[in-house]
Amino acid sequence: MDRQIENAKVKIGAKQPGNSGHLMCRTPWFGVAGFLVCAYFAWISFGHVTRHEYEWPNDAWTAATYIVWILLLAGLAFDTRCLRERLFFGVLVINFVAGCGLTLWRNVSSADVRTARIGTGALWALAALVSLTTLRSAPGRDSIAK
């Protein structure tokens, strides 16, 4: 009876074969999707600058949405053991914190919004490039020990 309990404990504590600590490196589709989405948002951000559109939403729903995304992305950054994925999610967290800050800043000037749009566009572009790094090697090479 004791042996059955010990075997059950080993099975429960055993790591599942598909759970390697990598979210994006498991398949190239995640890296490609991350690149496409981030590149699109970089294009949108720089498009606002070229069209001189310097408005930023300052409503409670936008702020709440930013907070939800920040929590989700921070959770993803801490859930993975892959350095490249942590960098990707970390850049996105920084980008969303900047966006949330601008949403909460009620009397932001047009010059500050322009600077923020350029900065967030650069962060989106950086995230797109970091997303591509998840395509280059098999999982396990750059895992961070927990």
N, C-alpha and C. Protein backbone atom coordinates (compact mmCIF):
# COMPACT_ATOMS: atom_id res chain seq x y z
N MET A 1 0.82 -1.20 0.00
CA MET A 1 0.00 0.00 0.00
C MET A 1 0.87 1.26 0.00
N ASP A 2 1.92 1.25 0.79
CA ASP A 2 2.81 2.40 0.84
C ASP A 2 3.49 2.62 -0.50
N ARG A 3 3.83 1.54 -1.19
CA ARG A 3 4.48 1.66 -2.50
C ARG A 3 3.53 2.32 -3.50
N GLN A 4 2.24 2.02 -3.44
CA GLN A 4 1.27 2.64 -4.34
C GLN A 4 1.17 4.13 -4.07
N ILE A 5 1.20 4.51 -2.81
CA ILE A 5 1.14 5.94 -2.46
C ILE A 5 2.39 6.64 -2.97
N GLU A 6 3.56 6.04 -2.78
CA GLU A 6 4.80 6.64 -3.26
C GLU A 6 4.80 6.76 -4.77
N ASN A 7 4.33 5.72 -5.47
CA ASN A 7 4.25 5.77 -6.94
C ASN A 7 3.30 6.87 -7.40
N ALA A 8 2.20 7.05 -6.69
CA ALA A 8 1.24 8.10 -7.03
C ALA A 8 1.87 9.48 -6.83
N LYS A 9 2.66 9.64 -5.75
CA LYS A 9 3.34 10.92 -5.51
C LYS A 9 4.34 11.21 -6.61
N VAL A 10 5.06 10.21 -7.05
CA VAL A 10 6.04 10.41 -8.11
C VAL A 10 5.34 10.81 -9.40
N LYS A 11 4.22 10.16 -9.71
CA LYS A 11 3.47 10.50 -10.93
C LYS A 11 2.92 11.91 -10.87
N ILE A 12 2.43 12.33 -9.71
CA ILE A 12 1.86 13.67 -9.57
C ILE A 12 2.96 14.71 -9.69
N GLY A 13 4.12 14.48 -9.08
CA GLY A 13 5.21 15.45 -9.10
C GLY A 13 6.04 15.41 -10.37
N ALA A 14 5.82 14.40 -11.21
CA ALA A 14 6.62 14.27 -12.43
C ALA A 14 6.26 15.37 -13.41
N LYS A 15 7.26 15.83 -14.10
CA LYS A 15 7.07 16.87 -15.11
C LYS A 15 6.43 16.25 -16.36
N GLN A 16 5.43 16.91 -16.88
CA GLN A 16 4.77 16.44 -18.09
C GLN A 16 5.71 16.62 -19.28
N PRO A 17 5.73 15.68 -20.23
CA PRO A 17 6.68 15.78 -21.33
C PRO A 17 6.52 17.02 -22.20
N GLY A 18 5.33 17.58 -22.35
CA GLY A 18 5.11 18.74 -23.21
C GLY A 18 5.38 20.07 -22.53
N ASN A 19 5.60 20.06 -21.23
CA ASN A 19 5.77 21.30 -20.48
C ASN A 19 7.26 21.55 -20.25
N SER A 20 7.90 22.24 -21.17
CA SER A 20 9.34 22.46 -21.09
C SER A 20 9.71 23.82 -20.55
N GLY A 21 8.75 24.65 -20.18
CA GLY A 21 9.07 25.99 -19.74
C GLY A 21 9.17 26.97 -20.89
N HIS A 22 8.87 26.53 -22.09
CA HIS A 22 8.90 27.38 -23.27
C HIS A 22 7.48 27.55 -23.79
N LEU A 23 7.08 28.76 -23.97
CA LEU A 23 5.75 29.03 -24.51
C LEU A 23 5.80 29.23 -26.02
N MET A 24 6.77 30.01 -26.47
CA MET A 24 6.85 30.37 -27.88
C MET A 24 7.80 29.49 -28.67
N CYS A 25 8.84 28.97 -28.02
CA CYS A 25 9.86 28.21 -28.74
C CYS A 25 9.38 26.82 -29.16
N ARG A 26 8.26 26.37 -28.63
CA ARG A 26 7.76 25.03 -28.98
C ARG A 26 7.44 24.90 -30.45
N THR A 27 6.95 25.96 -31.03
CA THR A 27 6.57 25.94 -32.44
C THR A 27 6.90 27.29 -33.07
N PRO A 28 7.34 27.31 -34.31
CA PRO A 28 7.69 28.59 -34.94
C PRO A 28 6.49 29.50 -35.18
N TRP A 29 5.29 28.96 -35.15
CA TRP A 29 4.11 29.80 -35.41
C TRP A 29 3.95 30.91 -34.40
N PHE A 30 4.31 30.64 -33.13
CA PHE A 30 4.18 31.67 -32.11
C PHE A 30 5.15 32.83 -32.36
N GLY A 31 6.37 32.51 -32.74
CA GLY A 31 7.35 33.56 -33.05
C GLY A 31 6.95 34.38 -34.26
N VAL A 32 6.43 33.71 -35.29
CA VAL A 32 5.98 34.42 -36.49
C VAL A 32 4.77 35.28 -36.17
N ALA A 33 3.83 34.73 -35.41
CA ALA A 33 2.63 35.51 -35.03
C ALA A 33 3.02 36.71 -34.19
N GLY A 34 3.94 36.51 -33.23
CA GLY A 34 4.40 37.63 -32.41
C GLY A 34 5.06 38.71 -33.25
N PHE A 35 5.86 38.28 -34.23
CA PHE A 35 6.51 39.25 -35.11
C PHE A 35 5.47 40.04 -35.90
N LEU A 36 4.51 39.35 -36.50
CA LEU A 36 3.50 40.03 -37.34
C LEU A 36 2.66 41.01 -36.53
N VAL A 37 2.23 40.60 -35.35
CA VAL A 37 1.39 41.48 -34.52
C VAL A 37 2.18 42.70 -34.05
N CYS A 38 3.40 42.47 -33.57
CA CYS A 38 4.21 43.60 -33.08
C CYS A 38 4.62 44.53 -34.22
N ALA A 39 4.94 43.97 -35.38
CA ALA A 39 5.29 44.81 -36.53
C ALA A 39 4.08 45.65 -36.95
N TYR A 40 2.89 45.06 -36.91
CA TYR A 40 1.67 45.81 -37.24
C TYR A 40 1.47 46.98 -36.28
N PHE A 41 1.63 46.73 -34.98
CA PHE A 41 1.45 47.80 -34.00
C PHE A 41 2.55 48.86 -34.10
N ALA A 42 3.75 48.48 -34.47
CA ALA A 42 4.81 49.47 -34.72
C ALA A 42 4.42 50.35 -35.89
N TRP A 43 3.91 49.74 -36.95
CA TRP A 43 3.46 50.48 -38.13
C TRP A 43 2.33 51.45 -37.76
N ILE A 44 1.39 50.99 -36.93
CA ILE A 44 0.29 51.85 -36.48
C ILE A 44 0.84 53.04 -35.67
N SER A 45 1.76 52.76 -34.75
CA SER A 45 2.32 53.83 -33.91
C SER A 45 3.04 54.88 -34.75
N PHE A 46 3.88 54.43 -35.68
CA PHE A 46 4.59 55.39 -36.52
C PHE A 46 3.65 56.08 -37.51
N GLY A 47 2.58 55.40 -37.89
CA GLY A 47 1.57 56.03 -38.75
C GLY A 47 0.89 57.21 -38.06
N HIS A 48 0.63 57.06 -36.77
CA HIS A 48 0.04 58.18 -36.01
C HIS A 48 0.98 59.38 -36.02
N VAL A 49 2.27 59.12 -35.92
CA VAL A 49 3.24 60.22 -35.90
C VAL A 49 3.30 60.90 -37.27
N THR A 50 3.34 60.11 -38.34
CA THR A 50 3.44 60.72 -39.68
C THR A 50 2.18 61.49 -40.05
N ARG A 51 1.03 61.11 -39.49
CA ARG A 51 -0.23 61.81 -39.77
C ARG A 51 -0.52 62.90 -38.73
N HIS A 52 0.42 63.12 -37.81
CA HIS A 52 0.28 64.14 -36.76
C HIS A 52 -0.97 63.90 -35.92
N GLU A 53 -1.25 62.66 -35.59
CA GLU A 53 -2.37 62.30 -34.71
C GLU A 53 -1.83 62.04 -33.32
N TYR A 54 -2.03 63.02 -32.45
CA TYR A 54 -1.42 62.95 -31.13
C TYR A 54 -2.45 62.85 -30.01
N GLU A 55 -3.59 62.27 -30.29
CA GLU A 55 -4.57 62.06 -29.23
C GLU A 55 -4.24 60.74 -28.53
N TRP A 56 -4.60 60.66 -27.25
CA TRP A 56 -4.44 59.42 -26.50
C TRP A 56 -5.68 59.25 -25.66
N PRO A 57 -6.29 58.07 -25.65
CA PRO A 57 -7.51 57.87 -24.87
C PRO A 57 -7.24 57.98 -23.37
N ASN A 58 -8.14 58.65 -22.66
CA ASN A 58 -7.98 58.84 -21.22
C ASN A 58 -9.19 58.36 -20.45
N ASP A 59 -9.78 57.25 -20.86
CA ASP A 59 -10.97 56.76 -20.16
C ASP A 59 -10.61 55.58 -19.25
N ALA A 60 -11.52 55.27 -18.34
CA ALA A 60 -11.29 54.22 -17.35
C ALA A 60 -11.22 52.83 -18.00
N TRP A 61 -12.00 52.59 -19.04
CA TRP A 61 -11.98 51.27 -19.70
C TRP A 61 -10.63 51.01 -20.37
N THR A 62 -10.05 52.01 -20.96
CA THR A 62 -8.74 51.84 -21.58
C THR A 62 -7.69 51.56 -20.52
N ALA A 63 -7.75 52.29 -19.41
CA ALA A 63 -6.80 52.05 -18.32
C ALA A 63 -6.97 50.63 -17.76
N ALA A 64 -8.20 50.21 -17.57
CA ALA A 64 -8.46 48.85 -17.07
C ALA A 64 -7.94 47.80 -18.04
N THR A 65 -8.11 48.04 -19.33
CA THR A 65 -7.60 47.11 -20.34
C THR A 65 -6.09 47.02 -20.29
N TYR A 66 -5.43 48.16 -20.16
CA TYR A 66 -3.96 48.15 -20.04
C TYR A 66 -3.53 47.36 -18.81
N ILE A 67 -4.21 47.55 -17.69
CA ILE A 67 -3.84 46.85 -16.46
C ILE A 67 -4.00 45.34 -16.62
N VAL A 68 -5.08 44.91 -17.27
CA VAL A 68 -5.28 43.47 -17.50
C VAL A 68 -4.15 42.93 -18.37
N TRP A 69 -3.80 43.64 -19.44
CA TRP A 69 -2.72 43.17 -20.31
C TRP A 69 -1.38 43.15 -19.58
N ILE A 70 -1.13 44.14 -18.74
CA ILE A 70 0.12 44.18 -17.98
C ILE A 70 0.21 42.95 -17.06
N LEU A 71 -0.87 42.65 -16.37
CA LEU A 71 -0.87 41.48 -15.48
C LEU A 71 -0.69 40.19 -16.26
N LEU A 72 -1.37 40.07 -17.39
CA LEU A 72 -1.25 38.87 -18.22
C LEU A 72 0.17 38.69 -18.74
N LEU A 73 0.75 39.75 -19.30
CA LEU A 73 2.09 39.67 -19.86
C LEU A 73 3.15 39.46 -18.78
N ALA A 74 2.97 40.07 -17.61
CA ALA A 74 3.91 39.84 -16.51
C ALA A 74 3.84 38.39 -16.06
N GLY A 75 2.63 37.85 -16.00
CA GLY A 75 2.48 36.44 -15.66
C GLY A 75 3.16 35.53 -16.67
N LEU A 76 3.02 35.85 -17.94
CA LEU A 76 3.69 35.05 -18.97
C LEU A 76 5.20 35.17 -18.87
N ALA A 77 5.69 36.37 -18.56
CA ALA A 77 7.14 36.56 -18.43
C ALA A 77 7.70 35.74 -17.28
N PHE A 78 6.97 35.65 -16.19
CA PHE A 78 7.45 34.89 -15.04
C PHE A 78 7.17 33.40 -15.17
N ASP A 79 6.25 33.02 -16.04
CA ASP A 79 5.89 31.60 -16.19
C ASP A 79 6.90 30.84 -17.04
N THR A 80 7.56 31.51 -17.94
CA THR A 80 8.49 30.84 -18.83
C THR A 80 9.90 30.83 -18.24
N ARG A 81 10.70 29.84 -18.64
CA ARG A 81 12.09 29.79 -18.20
C ARG A 81 13.04 30.15 -19.34
N CYS A 82 12.50 30.53 -20.47
CA CYS A 82 13.31 30.85 -21.65
C CYS A 82 13.66 32.33 -21.64
N LEU A 83 14.95 32.62 -21.72
CA LEU A 83 15.41 34.02 -21.67
C LEU A 83 14.84 34.84 -22.82
N ARG A 84 14.82 34.26 -24.03
CA ARG A 84 14.31 35.02 -25.19
C ARG A 84 12.83 35.35 -25.01
N GLU A 85 12.05 34.42 -24.48
CA GLU A 85 10.63 34.68 -24.25
C GLU A 85 10.44 35.69 -23.14
N ARG A 86 11.25 35.62 -22.10
CA ARG A 86 11.16 36.62 -21.03
C ARG A 86 11.47 38.01 -21.55
N LEU A 87 12.46 38.12 -22.43
CA LEU A 87 12.76 39.42 -23.03
C LEU A 87 11.59 39.93 -23.85
N PHE A 88 10.99 39.04 -24.65
CA PHE A 88 9.85 39.43 -25.48
C PHE A 88 8.70 39.95 -24.60
N PHE A 89 8.30 39.16 -23.61
CA PHE A 89 7.19 39.58 -22.75
C PHE A 89 7.57 40.79 -21.92
N GLY A 90 8.84 40.91 -21.52
CA GLY A 90 9.29 42.07 -20.76
C GLY A 90 9.18 43.37 -21.56
N VAL A 91 9.57 43.31 -22.84
CA VAL A 91 9.44 44.50 -23.69
C VAL A 91 7.97 44.88 -23.83
N LEU A 92 7.10 43.88 -23.97
CA LEU A 92 5.67 44.18 -24.07
C LEU A 92 5.12 44.77 -22.78
N VAL A 93 5.59 44.27 -21.63
CA VAL A 93 5.14 44.84 -20.35
C VAL A 93 5.55 46.31 -20.27
N ILE A 94 6.79 46.62 -20.62
CA ILE A 94 7.25 48.02 -20.60
C ILE A 94 6.38 48.88 -21.52
N ASN A 95 6.07 48.36 -22.70
CA ASN A 95 5.25 49.09 -23.66
C ASN A 95 3.85 49.36 -23.09
N PHE A 96 3.26 48.35 -22.48
CA PHE A 96 1.91 48.53 -21.94
C PHE A 96 1.91 49.41 -20.69
N VAL A 97 2.96 49.38 -19.90
CA VAL A 97 3.06 50.29 -18.75
C VAL A 97 3.13 51.74 -19.24
N ALA A 98 3.89 51.97 -20.31
CA ALA A 98 3.95 53.33 -20.89
C ALA A 98 2.58 53.76 -21.39
N GLY A 99 1.89 52.88 -22.07
CA GLY A 99 0.54 53.21 -22.56
C GLY A 99 -0.43 53.48 -21.43
N CYS A 100 -0.36 52.68 -20.38
CA CYS A 100 -1.24 52.89 -19.23
C CYS A 100 -0.92 54.22 -18.55
N GLY A 101 0.36 54.54 -18.44
CA GLY A 101 0.74 55.82 -17.84
C GLY A 101 0.19 56.99 -18.62
N LEU A 102 0.24 56.91 -19.94
CA LEU A 102 -0.31 57.99 -20.76
C LEU A 102 -1.84 58.06 -20.65
N THR A 103 -2.46 56.90 -20.48
CA THR A 103 -3.92 56.89 -20.31
C THR A 103 -4.32 57.56 -19.01
N LEU A 104 -3.53 57.34 -17.97
CA LEU A 104 -3.84 57.93 -16.66
C LEU A 104 -3.42 59.39 -16.57
N TRP A 105 -2.55 59.84 -17.46
CA TRP A 105 -2.08 61.23 -17.48
C TRP A 105 -3.09 62.05 -18.28
N ARG A 106 -3.95 62.75 -17.59
CA ARG A 106 -5.10 63.44 -18.21
C ARG A 106 -4.71 64.64 -19.08
N ASN A 107 -3.74 65.43 -18.65
CA ASN A 107 -3.43 66.65 -19.38
C ASN A 107 -2.08 66.53 -20.10
N VAL A 108 -1.88 65.44 -20.78
CA VAL A 108 -0.64 65.20 -21.50
C VAL A 108 -0.59 66.10 -22.73
N SER A 109 0.58 66.68 -22.99
CA SER A 109 0.72 67.58 -24.13
C SER A 109 0.90 66.79 -25.42
N SER A 110 0.65 67.44 -26.53
CA SER A 110 0.81 66.80 -27.85
C SER A 110 2.26 66.39 -28.08
N ALA A 111 3.19 67.21 -27.62
CA ALA A 111 4.62 66.88 -27.79
C ALA A 111 4.98 65.61 -27.02
N ASP A 112 4.41 65.46 -25.82
CA ASP A 112 4.68 64.25 -25.04
C ASP A 112 4.04 63.02 -25.68
N VAL A 113 2.85 63.19 -26.25
CA VAL A 113 2.20 62.06 -26.93
C VAL A 113 2.99 61.67 -28.16
N ARG A 114 3.50 62.67 -28.89
CA ARG A 114 4.33 62.37 -30.07
C ARG A 114 5.56 61.57 -29.67
N THR A 115 6.24 62.03 -28.61
CA THR A 115 7.41 61.31 -28.12
C THR A 115 7.04 59.90 -27.67
N ALA A 116 5.91 59.77 -27.00
CA ALA A 116 5.46 58.45 -26.54
C ALA A 116 5.12 57.55 -27.71
N ARG A 117 4.49 58.09 -28.74
CA ARG A 117 4.16 57.28 -29.92
C ARG A 117 5.43 56.78 -30.61
N ILE A 118 6.45 57.63 -30.68
CA ILE A 118 7.72 57.20 -31.27
C ILE A 118 8.35 56.12 -30.38
N GLY A 119 8.34 56.36 -29.07
CA GLY A 119 8.93 55.39 -28.14
C GLY A 119 8.20 54.05 -28.13
N THR A 120 6.87 54.09 -28.12
CA THR A 120 6.12 52.83 -28.13
C THR A 120 6.25 52.13 -29.48
N GLY A 121 6.35 52.91 -30.55
CA GLY A 121 6.59 52.29 -31.86
C GLY A 121 7.93 51.57 -31.89
N ALA A 122 8.94 52.20 -31.29
CA ALA A 122 10.26 51.56 -31.22
C ALA A 122 10.20 50.30 -30.35
N LEU A 123 9.43 50.35 -29.26
CA LEU A 123 9.29 49.16 -28.42
C LEU A 123 8.55 48.04 -29.16
N TRP A 124 7.53 48.39 -29.94
CA TRP A 124 6.84 47.38 -30.74
C TRP A 124 7.79 46.76 -31.76
N ALA A 125 8.61 47.59 -32.39
CA ALA A 125 9.58 47.07 -33.36
C ALA A 125 10.61 46.18 -32.67
N LEU A 126 11.08 46.57 -31.50
CA LEU A 126 12.02 45.75 -30.75
C LEU A 126 11.38 44.41 -30.36
N ALA A 127 10.13 44.46 -29.91
CA ALA A 127 9.43 43.22 -29.56
C ALA A 127 9.29 42.31 -30.78
N ALA A 128 9.05 42.90 -31.95
CA ALA A 128 8.94 42.10 -33.17
C ALA A 128 10.26 41.39 -33.45
N LEU A 129 11.36 42.09 -33.31
CA LEU A 129 12.67 41.48 -33.54
C LEU A 129 12.99 40.41 -32.50
N VAL A 130 12.68 40.68 -31.24
CA VAL A 130 12.92 39.70 -30.19
C VAL A 130 12.05 38.47 -30.42
N SER A 131 10.85 38.66 -30.92
CA SER A 131 9.97 37.53 -31.22
C SER A 131 10.61 36.60 -32.25
N LEU A 132 11.31 37.17 -33.20
CA LEU A 132 11.98 36.35 -34.21
C LEU A 132 13.10 35.50 -33.62
N THR A 133 13.67 35.92 -32.50
CA THR A 133 14.75 35.13 -31.90
C THR A 133 14.24 33.80 -31.37
N THR A 134 12.94 33.67 -31.14
CA THR A 134 12.40 32.40 -30.64
C THR A 134 12.35 31.35 -31.74
N LEU A 135 12.65 31.73 -32.98
CA LEU A 135 12.62 30.78 -34.09
C LEU A 135 13.93 30.03 -34.27
N ARG A 136 15.02 30.52 -33.74
CA ARG A 136 16.34 30.08 -34.17
C ARG A 136 16.86 28.79 -33.57
N SER A 137 16.43 28.36 -32.40
CA SER A 137 17.01 27.14 -31.84
C SER A 137 15.97 26.34 -31.08
N ALA A 138 16.34 25.14 -30.80
CA ALA A 138 15.45 24.23 -30.08
C ALA A 138 15.32 24.66 -28.63
N PRO A 139 14.18 24.36 -27.99
CA PRO A 139 14.01 24.69 -26.59
C PRO A 139 15.03 23.97 -25.72
N GLY A 140 15.43 24.63 -24.65
CA GLY A 140 16.31 24.02 -23.69
C GLY A 140 17.70 24.63 -23.68
N ARG A 141 18.13 25.27 -24.75
CA ARG A 141 19.49 25.81 -24.80
C ARG A 141 19.67 27.02 -23.92
N ASP A 142 18.63 27.85 -23.81
CA ASP A 142 18.81 29.09 -23.04
C ASP A 142 17.80 29.19 -21.90
N SER A 143 17.43 28.06 -21.33
CA SER A 143 16.49 28.09 -20.20
C SER A 143 17.17 28.69 -18.99
N ILE A 144 16.37 29.34 -18.18
CA ILE A 144 16.84 29.94 -16.94
C ILE A 144 16.48 28.98 -15.83
N ALA A 145 17.42 28.61 -15.01
CA ALA A 145 17.14 27.69 -13.89
C ALA A 145 16.30 28.42 -12.85
N LYS A 146 15.29 27.73 -12.37
CA LYS A 146 14.43 28.33 -11.35
C LYS A 146 14.87 27.88 -9.99
